[in-house]
Protein backbone atom coordinates (compact mmCIF):
# COMPACT_ATOMS: atom_id res chain seq x y z
CA MET A 1 0.00 0.00 0.00
CA ALA A 2 1.39 3.36 -1.02
CA ILE A 3 1.99 6.20 1.37
CA THR A 4 1.47 9.93 1.08
CA PRO A 5 4.15 12.53 1.85
CA SER A 6 2.40 13.37 5.15
CA GLN A 7 2.84 9.74 6.28
CA LEU A 8 6.62 9.80 5.89
CA SER A 9 8.77 9.59 8.97
CA PRO A 10 9.23 13.09 10.36
CA LEU A 11 12.42 14.74 9.21
CA GLU A 12 13.39 18.35 9.48
CA GLU A 13 11.30 20.40 7.07
CA PRO A 14 13.26 22.63 4.69
CA HIS A 15 13.47 26.26 5.77
CA ALA A 16 15.24 29.44 4.62
CA GLY A 17 18.28 28.92 6.86
CA MET A 18 18.77 25.28 5.94
CA PRO A 19 21.88 24.46 3.90
CA TYR A 20 21.10 23.54 0.30
CA ALA A 21 22.62 20.06 0.62
CA ARG A 22 20.47 19.27 3.64
CA ALA A 23 17.30 20.53 1.91
CA MET A 24 18.09 18.50 -1.19
CA GLY A 25 18.85 15.46 0.92
CA ARG A 26 15.46 15.77 2.58
CA LEU A 27 13.72 16.13 -0.79
CA ILE A 28 15.60 13.13 -2.19
CA GLU A 29 14.70 11.03 0.86
CA GLU A 30 11.04 11.97 0.59
CA ARG A 31 10.86 11.15 -3.11
CA PHE A 32 12.74 7.90 -2.62
CA ASP A 33 10.31 6.88 0.14
CA MET A 34 7.33 7.72 -2.03
CA MET A 35 8.76 5.77 -4.95
CA MET A 36 9.51 2.75 -2.77
CA SER A 37 6.00 2.80 -1.29
CA TYR A 38 4.86 1.40 -4.66
CA ARG A 39 7.52 -1.32 -4.75
CA ASP A 40 5.42 -4.22 -3.47
CA GLY A 41 2.52 -3.47 -5.82
CA THR A 42 4.91 -3.08 -8.73
CA LEU A 43 6.57 -6.42 -8.01
CA ASP A 44 3.20 -8.10 -7.49
CA GLY A 45 2.07 -6.82 -10.88
CA SER A 46 -1.65 -7.07 -10.23
CA ASP A 47 -2.37 -3.34 -10.62
CA PRO A 48 -0.60 -1.35 -13.36
CA GLU A 49 -1.30 1.83 -11.38
CA ASP A 50 1.34 0.86 -8.81
CA LEU A 51 3.96 0.57 -11.54
CA HIS A 52 2.78 3.87 -13.03
CA GLN A 53 3.07 5.65 -9.66
CA MET A 54 6.46 4.12 -8.96
CA ARG A 55 7.67 5.41 -12.31
CA VAL A 56 6.20 8.88 -11.64
CA TRP A 57 8.00 9.08 -8.30
CA SER A 58 11.23 7.71 -9.80
CA ARG A 59 11.16 10.53 -12.33
CA ARG A 60 10.55 13.08 -9.58
CA LEU A 61 13.44 11.56 -7.62
CA ARG A 62 15.70 11.76 -10.66
CA ALA A 63 14.78 15.40 -11.18
CA ALA A 64 15.77 16.19 -7.60
CA MET A 65 18.96 14.18 -7.96
CA ASP A 66 19.81 15.97 -11.22
CA VAL A 67 19.97 19.35 -9.47
CA ALA A 68 21.75 18.03 -6.36
CA THR A 69 24.89 16.60 -7.97
CA ASP A 70 27.12 19.34 -6.54
CA CYS A 71 25.99 18.50 -3.00
CA PHE A 72 27.58 15.07 -2.91
CA PRO A 73 30.94 13.39 -3.48
CA ASN A 74 31.72 11.49 -6.67
CA ARG A 75 30.18 8.22 -5.39
CA TYR A 76 26.76 9.90 -5.81
CA LYS A 77 27.02 9.18 -9.54
CA PHE A 78 26.56 5.46 -8.85
CA PHE A 79 23.25 6.03 -7.02
CA HIS A 80 22.10 8.57 -9.59
CA ARG A 81 22.83 6.11 -12.43
CA ARG A 82 20.98 3.26 -10.66
CA ILE A 83 17.86 5.41 -10.20
CA LYS A 84 18.01 6.31 -13.89
CA GLU A 85 18.25 2.61 -14.77
CA LEU A 86 15.28 1.88 -12.53
CA THR A 87 13.25 4.61 -14.22
CA ASP A 88 14.13 3.10 -17.59
CA VAL A 89 13.05 -0.45 -16.71
CA LEU A 90 9.84 0.86 -15.13
CA GLY A 91 9.19 2.91 -18.25
CA GLU A 92 9.63 -0.05 -20.55
CA VAL A 93 6.81 -1.95 -18.84
CA ARG A 94 4.65 1.14 -18.39
CA ASP A 95 4.89 2.02 -22.07
CA PHE A 96 3.47 -1.39 -22.97
CA ASP A 97 0.65 -0.94 -20.44
CA VAL A 98 -0.32 2.33 -22.12
CA MET A 99 -0.11 0.86 -25.63
CA ILE A 100 -2.22 -2.15 -24.63
CA GLU A 101 -4.82 0.05 -22.98
CA GLU A 102 -5.03 2.42 -25.95
CA LEU A 103 -5.12 -0.35 -28.54
CA SER A 104 -7.82 -2.21 -26.58
CA ALA A 105 -9.99 0.93 -26.51
CA TYR A 106 -9.37 1.45 -30.24
CA ARG A 107 -10.29 -2.19 -30.99
CA ASP A 108 -13.60 -1.84 -29.17
CA GLY A 109 -14.68 0.87 -31.59
CA ARG A 110 -13.66 -0.97 -34.76
CA PRO A 111 -15.75 -3.30 -36.95
CA ALA A 112 -15.72 -6.98 -36.02
CA ASP A 113 -13.68 -7.99 -39.08
CA GLU A 114 -10.76 -5.74 -37.97
CA ARG A 115 -10.65 -7.00 -34.38
CA PRO A 116 -8.70 -10.25 -34.94
CA ALA A 117 -5.73 -8.33 -36.34
CA ILE A 118 -5.88 -5.83 -33.48
CA ASN A 119 -6.12 -8.72 -30.99
CA GLU A 120 -2.95 -10.17 -32.48
CA MET A 121 -1.17 -6.85 -31.97
CA ILE A 122 -2.38 -6.77 -28.36
CA ARG A 123 -1.10 -10.34 -27.80
CA ASP A 124 2.28 -9.32 -29.19
CA LEU A 125 2.39 -6.25 -26.93
CA ARG A 126 1.48 -8.39 -23.90
CA ALA A 127 4.31 -10.81 -24.69
CA ARG A 128 6.75 -7.92 -25.05
CA ARG A 129 5.43 -6.45 -21.78
CA GLU A 130 6.09 -9.74 -20.00
CA ALA A 131 9.65 -9.73 -21.30
CA GLY A 132 10.04 -6.18 -19.96
CA ARG A 133 8.50 -7.25 -16.68
CA ALA A 134 11.05 -10.09 -16.43
CA ASN A 135 13.80 -7.47 -16.88
CA LEU A 136 12.15 -5.35 -14.18
CA LEU A 137 12.00 -8.24 -11.71
CA SER A 138 15.61 -9.13 -12.48
CA PHE A 139 16.66 -5.53 -11.89
CA PHE A 140 14.89 -5.48 -8.51
CA THR A 141 16.64 -8.73 -7.57
CA GLN A 142 19.95 -7.10 -8.43
CA LEU A 143 19.09 -4.02 -6.33
CA GLU A 144 18.23 -6.26 -3.39
CA ARG A 145 21.51 -8.16 -3.74
CA GLU A 146 23.36 -4.83 -3.72
CA ARG A 147 21.37 -3.72 -0.67
CA PHE A 148 20.71 -0.59 -2.71
CA ASP A 149 17.91 0.71 -0.47
CA VAL A 150 20.04 0.68 2.69
CA ARG A 151 23.16 1.94 0.96
CA PHE A 152 21.31 4.78 -0.79
CA ARG A 153 19.56 5.92 2.38
CA GLY A 154 22.81 5.71 4.33
CA PHE A 155 24.73 7.68 1.72
CA ILE A 156 22.16 10.48 1.60
CA ALA A 157 21.94 10.64 5.41
CA GLU A 158 25.73 10.65 5.80
CA HIS A 159 26.12 13.62 3.49
CA THR A 160 23.11 15.71 4.46
CA HIS A 161 22.23 15.17 8.13
CA GLY A 162 25.34 16.81 9.47
């Protein structure tokens, strides 16, 4: 079940006197937490909306990380690159979800004699989606092996919490 920003663990709210690195660290933590709140639903795969929301939050996280590169040492590039890779594998599956949804709606408005060909296209898209989903699951397995979640959180905390 996803969370909302107000349900996140309380951290210092950004304010005018807060150092930029600390404010960016807080924003990155919040966006990472929001993204990860959709992890279980994304891995389960039963509701495409979870994957969609995880991708949305991964893009928001990347945007924050893009403008915070000067706040962190060189090792930050590794974490930044991994989030980009995650966004890409989420996007691959999400793109197929959108195409399948749009093509299904299109098919429903077409004459009966055109529907078998459209159904074949949808079957092909579903097969390609499943291949993308296999890549996604493999990527998550790799992140878990790397202990990415713990390492990322620790890195951000180490360099922004003083």
